[in-house]
Protein backbone atom coordinates (compact mmCIF):
# COMPACT_ATOMS: atom_id res chain seq x y z
CA UNK A 1 11.03 46.38 -1.82
CA UNK A 2 14.03 44.59 -0.32
CA UNK A 3 13.77 40.83 1.03
CA UNK A 4 15.76 38.02 2.04
CA UNK A 5 14.43 34.89 0.39
CA UNK A 6 14.26 33.06 3.82
CA UNK A 7 11.88 35.92 5.02
CA UNK A 8 9.98 35.77 2.04
CA UNK A 9 9.47 31.79 2.13
CA UNK A 10 8.75 31.94 6.01
CA UNK A 11 6.07 34.50 5.50
CA UNK A 12 4.29 32.54 2.76
CA UNK A 13 4.54 29.63 5.53
CA UNK A 14 2.76 31.68 8.14
CA UNK A 15 -0.14 32.69 6.12
CA UNK A 16 -0.90 28.93 5.02
CA UNK A 17 0.09 29.42 1.39
CA UNK A 18 0.48 26.39 -0.86
CA UNK A 19 2.44 28.22 -3.50
CA UNK A 20 4.33 31.48 -3.85
CA UNK A 21 4.82 33.29 -7.44
CA UNK A 22 7.51 35.86 -7.51
CA UNK A 23 7.98 37.89 -10.91
CA UNK A 24 10.09 40.72 -11.91
CA UNK A 25 8.08 44.19 -11.64
CA UNK A 26 4.92 42.47 -10.26
CA UNK A 27 3.71 42.19 -6.83
CA UNK A 28 4.23 38.89 -4.98
CA UNK A 29 1.36 36.38 -5.65
CA UNK A 30 0.34 33.67 -3.15
CA UNK A 31 -2.14 30.83 -3.52
CA UNK A 32 -4.09 29.80 -0.47
CA UNK A 33 -7.00 27.43 -0.39
CA UNK A 34 -6.65 27.17 -4.32
CA UNK A 35 -7.21 31.05 -5.22
CA UNK A 36 -4.40 33.34 -6.17
CA UNK A 37 -3.93 36.63 -4.41
CA UNK A 38 -1.47 39.58 -4.69
CA UNK A 39 -0.71 40.42 -0.80
CA UNK A 40 3.15 41.30 -1.50
CA UNK A 41 5.01 44.35 -2.74
CA UNK A 42 6.96 44.57 -6.16
CA UNK A 43 10.40 43.10 -6.57
CA UNK A 44 12.63 44.39 -8.95
CA UNK A 45 15.50 41.91 -9.04
CA UNK A 46 14.59 38.20 -8.64
CA UNK A 47 17.74 37.00 -9.39
CA UNK A 48 19.49 38.73 -6.54
CA UNK A 49 16.75 37.36 -4.07
CA UNK A 50 17.82 33.76 -5.19
CA UNK A 51 21.46 34.15 -5.86
CA UNK A 52 22.28 33.29 -2.39
CA UNK A 53 20.82 30.04 -2.56
CA UNK A 54 21.75 28.62 -5.84
CA UNK A 55 24.45 26.14 -6.53
CA UNK A 56 26.78 26.46 -9.41
CA UNK A 57 24.98 23.57 -11.04
CA UNK A 58 21.84 25.29 -10.73
CA UNK A 59 23.12 28.67 -11.95
CA UNK A 60 24.68 27.13 -14.84
CA UNK A 61 21.28 25.18 -15.66
CA UNK A 62 19.20 28.64 -15.49
CA UNK A 63 21.89 30.52 -17.66
CA UNK A 64 21.95 27.29 -20.22
CA UNK A 65 18.52 26.12 -20.36
CA UNK A 66 16.59 29.35 -18.88
CA UNK A 67 15.05 27.18 -16.00
CA UNK A 68 16.10 25.30 -13.11
CA UNK A 69 14.05 23.03 -10.52
CA UNK A 70 15.44 22.40 -6.82
CA UNK A 71 14.49 21.72 -3.43
CA UNK A 72 15.40 24.23 -0.42
CA UNK A 73 15.20 23.94 3.46
CA UNK A 74 15.05 26.80 5.93
CA UNK A 75 16.73 26.42 9.42
CA UNK A 76 13.17 25.81 10.82
CA UNK A 77 12.77 22.70 8.88
CA UNK A 78 10.40 23.97 6.45
CA UNK A 79 11.05 22.86 2.65
CA UNK A 80 10.18 24.08 -0.74
CA UNK A 81 10.35 23.08 -4.26
CA UNK A 82 11.43 26.10 -6.31
CA UNK A 83 11.29 26.64 -10.22
CA UNK A 84 13.08 29.51 -11.44
CA UNK A 85 12.48 30.17 -15.09
CA UNK A 86 13.01 33.10 -17.66
CA UNK A 87 10.09 34.67 -19.52
CA UNK A 88 9.43 37.68 -21.63
CA UNK A 89 9.17 39.85 -18.41
CA UNK A 90 12.52 38.77 -16.89
CA UNK A 91 13.20 36.04 -14.14
CA UNK A 92 10.35 34.47 -12.48
CA UNK A 93 9.93 31.91 -9.65
CA UNK A 94 7.23 29.27 -8.85
CA UNK A 95 7.49 28.07 -5.29
CA UNK A 96 5.72 25.12 -3.65
CA UNK A 97 5.54 25.06 -0.03
CA UNK A 98 5.82 21.78 1.38
CA UNK A 99 4.04 20.91 4.50
CA UNK A 100 6.11 20.18 7.74
CA UNK A 101 4.63 17.05 8.87
CA UNK A 102 4.80 13.85 6.75
CA UNK A 103 1.16 13.41 5.62
CA UNK A 104 -0.86 9.88 6.49
CA UNK A 105 -3.47 8.25 4.53
CA UNK A 106 -5.86 9.05 7.51
CA UNK A 107 -5.09 12.74 7.53
CA UNK A 108 -5.80 13.06 3.99
CA UNK A 109 -9.15 11.51 4.17
CA UNK A 110 -8.05 8.33 2.09
CA UNK A 111 -10.70 5.54 1.52
CA UNK A 112 -9.74 2.37 3.32
CA UNK A 113 -9.53 1.05 -0.21
CA UNK A 114 -6.68 3.39 -1.03
CA UNK A 115 -4.81 2.92 2.13
CA UNK A 116 -4.89 -0.86 1.60
CA UNK A 117 -2.96 -0.43 -1.68
CA UNK A 118 0.07 0.04 0.69
CA UNK A 119 -0.01 -3.40 1.55
CA UNK A 120 0.49 -4.72 -2.00
CA UNK A 121 3.49 -7.02 -2.44
CA UNK A 122 4.07 -6.05 -6.19
CA UNK A 123 2.40 -4.48 -9.35
CA UNK A 124 1.94 -0.87 -10.56
CA UNK A 125 -0.01 1.68 -8.54
CA UNK A 126 -0.56 5.04 -10.25
CA UNK A 127 -1.56 8.46 -8.80
CA UNK A 128 -2.80 10.89 -11.33
CA UNK A 129 -4.31 14.25 -11.75
CA UNK A 130 -3.59 17.52 -13.16
CA UNK A 131 -0.62 19.90 -11.85
CA UNK A 132 -1.50 20.82 -8.44
CA UNK A 133 -3.71 18.23 -7.43
CA UNK A 134 -1.78 16.76 -4.44
CA UNK A 135 -0.26 13.68 -6.48
CA UNK A 136 2.98 14.31 -4.53
CA UNK A 137 1.19 14.43 -1.23
CA UNK A 138 -0.81 11.40 -1.86
CA UNK A 139 2.45 9.26 -2.80
CA UNK A 140 4.33 10.59 0.28
CA UNK A 141 1.38 9.47 2.45
CA UNK A 142 1.56 5.94 0.72
CA UNK A 143 5.35 5.96 1.68
CA UNK A 144 4.57 6.86 5.12
CA UNK A 145 2.20 4.02 5.47
CA UNK A 146 4.46 1.58 4.34
CA UNK A 147 7.64 2.96 6.09
CA UNK A 148 5.54 2.83 9.44
CA UNK A 149 4.03 -0.97 9.02
CA UNK A 150 6.24 -3.07 6.64
CA UNK A 151 9.89 -4.22 6.99
CA UNK A 152 10.78 -3.33 3.32
CA UNK A 153 13.61 -1.52 1.26
CA UNK A 154 11.94 1.56 -0.34
CA UNK A 155 14.10 3.34 -2.85
CA UNK A 156 12.53 6.68 -4.08
CA UNK A 157 13.72 8.64 -7.43
CA UNK A 158 12.31 12.21 -6.98
CA UNK A 159 12.61 15.61 -8.89
CA UNK A 160 13.26 17.36 -6.44
CA UNK A 161 13.01 15.43 -3.13
CA UNK A 162 10.11 16.93 -1.53
CA UNK A 163 9.22 15.16 1.86
CA UNK A 164 12.12 13.66 3.79
CA UNK A 165 11.67 10.54 5.26
CA UNK A 166 13.55 8.70 8.19
CA UNK A 167 13.57 5.13 7.99
CA UNK A 168 11.12 3.48 10.42
CA UNK A 169 10.27 -0.31 9.98
CA UNK A 170 11.23 0.09 6.59
CA UNK A 171 14.83 0.98 5.23
CA UNK A 172 14.24 4.07 3.03
CA UNK A 173 16.64 5.80 0.42
CA UNK A 174 15.95 8.64 -1.69
CA UNK A 175 17.37 9.56 -4.61
CA UNK A 176 17.36 13.04 -6.35
CA UNK A 177 17.31 13.42 -10.00
CA UNK A 178 20.21 15.61 -11.26
CA UNK A 179 22.17 15.19 -8.01
CA UNK A 180 21.91 11.43 -7.08
CA UNK A 181 21.54 9.97 -10.58
CA UNK A 182 21.34 11.41 -14.10
CA UNK A 183 17.68 10.92 -14.95
CA UNK A 184 14.69 8.84 -14.09
CA UNK A 185 15.47 6.24 -16.74
CA UNK A 186 18.92 5.97 -15.35
CA UNK A 187 17.79 5.66 -11.80
CA UNK A 188 15.12 3.21 -12.34
CA UNK A 189 17.66 0.91 -14.40
CA UNK A 190 20.13 1.16 -11.33
CA UNK A 191 17.42 0.58 -8.77
CA UNK A 192 16.79 -2.89 -10.15
CA UNK A 193 20.05 -3.81 -8.81
CA UNK A 194 19.83 -2.19 -5.54
CA UNK A 195 17.27 -4.91 -3.86
CA UNK A 196 14.15 -2.74 -3.29
CA UNK A 197 10.78 -4.13 -2.45
CA UNK A 198 8.98 -0.80 -3.27
CA UNK A 199 10.12 1.63 -5.88
CA UNK A 200 8.84 5.23 -6.13
CA UNK A 201 9.31 7.00 -9.28
CA UNK A 202 8.23 10.84 -8.82
CA UNK A 203 6.64 10.87 -12.38
CA UNK A 204 6.60 8.75 -15.48
CA UNK A 205 7.71 10.92 -18.39
CA UNK A 206 8.68 9.25 -21.15
CA UNK A 207 8.08 5.78 -23.10
CA UNK A 208 11.79 4.33 -21.48
CA UNK A 209 10.90 5.15 -17.97
CA UNK A 210 7.26 3.57 -18.34
CA UNK A 211 8.60 0.37 -20.01
CA UNK A 212 11.28 -0.12 -17.15
CA UNK A 213 8.53 0.80 -14.37
CA UNK A 214 6.07 -1.73 -16.04
CA UNK A 215 8.90 -4.37 -16.35
CA UNK A 216 9.81 -3.75 -12.44
CA UNK A 217 6.46 -4.33 -11.46
CA UNK A 218 6.06 -7.56 -13.34
CA UNK A 219 9.15 -8.93 -11.78
CA UNK A 220 7.89 -8.76 -8.29
CA UNK A 221 8.51 -5.06 -7.12
CA UNK A 222 5.71 -2.72 -6.04
CA UNK A 223 5.99 0.33 -8.19
CA UNK A 224 4.40 3.64 -7.12
CA UNK A 225 4.20 6.74 -9.51
CA UNK A 226 2.57 9.52 -10.66
CA UNK A 227 1.02 10.71 -14.29
CA UNK A 228 -0.42 13.98 -15.39
CA UNK A 229 -3.74 12.56 -16.50
CA UNK A 230 -7.52 13.42 -15.50
CA UNK A 231 -8.96 10.07 -15.33
CA UNK A 232 -8.15 6.16 -14.91
CA UNK A 233 -9.04 5.38 -18.43
CA UNK A 234 -7.27 8.39 -19.78
CA UNK A 235 -4.22 7.02 -17.84
CA UNK A 236 -4.32 3.65 -19.58
CA UNK A 237 -4.59 5.08 -23.04
CA UNK A 238 -1.83 7.55 -22.34
CA UNK A 239 0.63 4.81 -21.29
CA UNK A 240 -0.44 2.52 -24.33
CA UNK A 241 -0.25 5.65 -26.64
CA UNK A 242 3.39 6.64 -25.75
CA UNK A 243 4.46 3.51 -27.47
CA UNK A 244 5.16 2.70 -31.30
CA UNK A 245 2.01 1.18 -33.01
CA UNK A 246 3.98 -2.01 -33.26
CA UNK A 247 4.87 -2.11 -29.36
CA UNK A 248 1.41 -1.40 -28.12
CA UNK A 249 0.03 -4.82 -28.12
CA UNK A 250 2.83 -5.98 -26.06
CA UNK A 251 2.51 -3.07 -23.70
CA UNK A 252 -1.20 -3.82 -23.27
CA UNK A 253 -0.38 -7.40 -22.06
CA UNK A 254 2.40 -6.29 -19.81
CA UNK A 255 0.11 -3.57 -18.50
CA UNK A 256 -2.61 -6.17 -17.95
CA UNK A 257 -0.55 -8.31 -16.00
CA UNK A 258 1.04 -5.62 -13.79
CA UNK A 259 -1.35 -2.55 -13.07
CA UNK A 260 -3.04 -2.85 -9.62
CA UNK A 261 -4.76 0.05 -9.37
CA UNK A 262 -5.24 3.86 -10.90
CA UNK A 263 -6.21 6.57 -8.48
CA UNK A 264 -7.20 10.20 -9.98
CA UNK A 265 -7.53 12.75 -7.74
CA UNK A 266 -8.69 16.44 -7.55
CA UNK A 267 -8.47 19.20 -4.92
CA UNK A 268 -11.53 21.34 -3.61
CA UNK A 269 -11.81 24.27 -1.31
CA UNK A 270 -13.33 22.94 1.97
CA UNK A 271 -15.51 24.71 4.55
CA UNK A 272 -12.31 24.85 7.01
CA UNK A 273 -10.36 27.04 4.67
CA UNK A 274 -8.07 24.32 3.18
CA UNK A 275 -8.56 21.89 0.25
CA UNK A 276 -9.76 18.40 0.47
CA UNK A 277 -9.09 15.71 -2.18
CA UNK A 278 -11.60 13.88 -3.90
CA UNK A 279 -10.57 10.30 -5.30
CA UNK A 280 -11.72 8.30 -8.36
CA UNK A 281 -10.50 4.71 -7.92
CA UNK A 282 -10.05 1.91 -10.21
CA UNK A 283 -8.90 -1.22 -8.69
CA UNK A 284 -7.84 -3.59 -11.61
CA UNK A 285 -10.01 -6.76 -11.53
CA UNK A 286 -9.69 -9.92 -13.90
CA UNK A 287 -12.32 -8.00 -16.22
CA UNK A 288 -10.57 -4.90 -16.46
CA UNK A 289 -7.20 -6.87 -17.15
CA UNK A 290 -9.25 -8.50 -20.16
CA UNK A 291 -10.13 -5.11 -21.33
CA UNK A 292 -6.84 -3.58 -21.34
CA UNK A 293 -5.41 -6.89 -22.98
CA UNK A 294 -7.94 -6.34 -25.74
CA UNK A 295 -7.50 -2.68 -26.20
CA UNK A 296 -11.19 -2.09 -24.93
CA UNK A 297 -10.32 0.70 -22.70
CA UNK A 298 -13.36 2.67 -23.78
CA UNK A 299 -15.76 0.10 -21.79
CA UNK A 300 -13.41 0.75 -18.45
CA UNK A 301 -15.52 3.68 -17.34
CA UNK A 302 -18.79 1.48 -16.99
CA UNK A 303 -16.59 -1.08 -14.76
CA UNK A 304 -15.82 1.70 -12.36
CA UNK A 305 -19.24 2.93 -12.05
CA UNK A 306 -20.74 -0.84 -11.19
CA UNK A 307 -17.27 -1.78 -9.26
CA UNK A 308 -18.14 -0.64 -5.67
CA UNK A 309 -17.90 -3.99 -4.31
CA UNK A 310 -14.13 -3.84 -5.17
CA UNK A 311 -13.86 -0.42 -3.73
CA UNK A 312 -13.81 1.47 -6.84
CA UNK A 313 -15.48 4.82 -7.08
CA UNK A 314 -15.95 7.55 -9.97
CA UNK A 315 -15.09 10.98 -9.40
CA UNK A 316 -18.79 12.26 -9.75
CA UNK A 317 -19.53 9.56 -6.87
CA UNK A 318 -16.55 10.85 -4.64
CA UNK A 319 -17.42 14.52 -5.14
CA UNK A 320 -21.13 13.74 -4.58
CA UNK A 321 -20.00 11.93 -1.06
CA UNK A 322 -17.74 14.84 -0.09
CA UNK A 323 -20.72 17.12 -0.50
CA UNK A 324 -23.08 14.81 1.57
CA UNK A 325 -20.74 15.08 4.31
CA UNK A 326 -20.81 18.72 4.25
CA UNK A 327 -16.93 19.05 3.37
CA UNK A 328 -17.64 21.55 0.85
């Protein structure tokens, strides 16, 4: 079957797919409302399909490393995050369709407690969940909320840039890893010299990036980022465990002082044929700061269960509430 990549991407948009998978010798597959189906024909030459849109740098990365990650836009304004990778079967592509409209806190059904996190002046706010749970969308909604309502400088570090923002009340600069800066660590170090009020780090991937992000949050910046963890408690443990044992006491103290909230989310198919997010919310109170500082993270779960007056919510409670409202 012969396709142009733009035609294939636009077709995926029109059928409301969230993801598109292209593999050599396999039917084209799409993910709609969380379920994977194979409505497309078989493609035999994936490289020829993507060759016209690859830059020299992306082509070199694919040849050297066996994979490359980049964003791509159609003339219609639709944007896509594309990962090309080699496998035993040949060249494959995983494409994430980025919605045309910038998400809002209200549109995502965020509790008011979450929306109010965008009003914070400093500290660390983490959005967590498994791959494909909508972390980037939630992060974009926070950026949108700040951009519309606060006169601040927002600096983002993304790999790649997904949603494109125009400055509103805020001044916003978006930097793409590999194009505008070498990596998250380098970009984050430079960010501290660029007078930001809000720093958005697409993902906390390693010890050095986490260390700089925590320091930035301690020194008066609001830092928003994501982690691939399943719960608030797991998130705190993951951050601490990244550090060597002799540094863990210090990072517990720093994290106890800077962490403001952890939001863990899951996506579920809803009755309207789309997907709805359930949010576990941990607001870091003085009691939770003490637990983090003292290394008693195993006790944090019970504080989330009883922290309703602070806007906290367990995942079980969030799912139950969506069911009671008839969402799914």
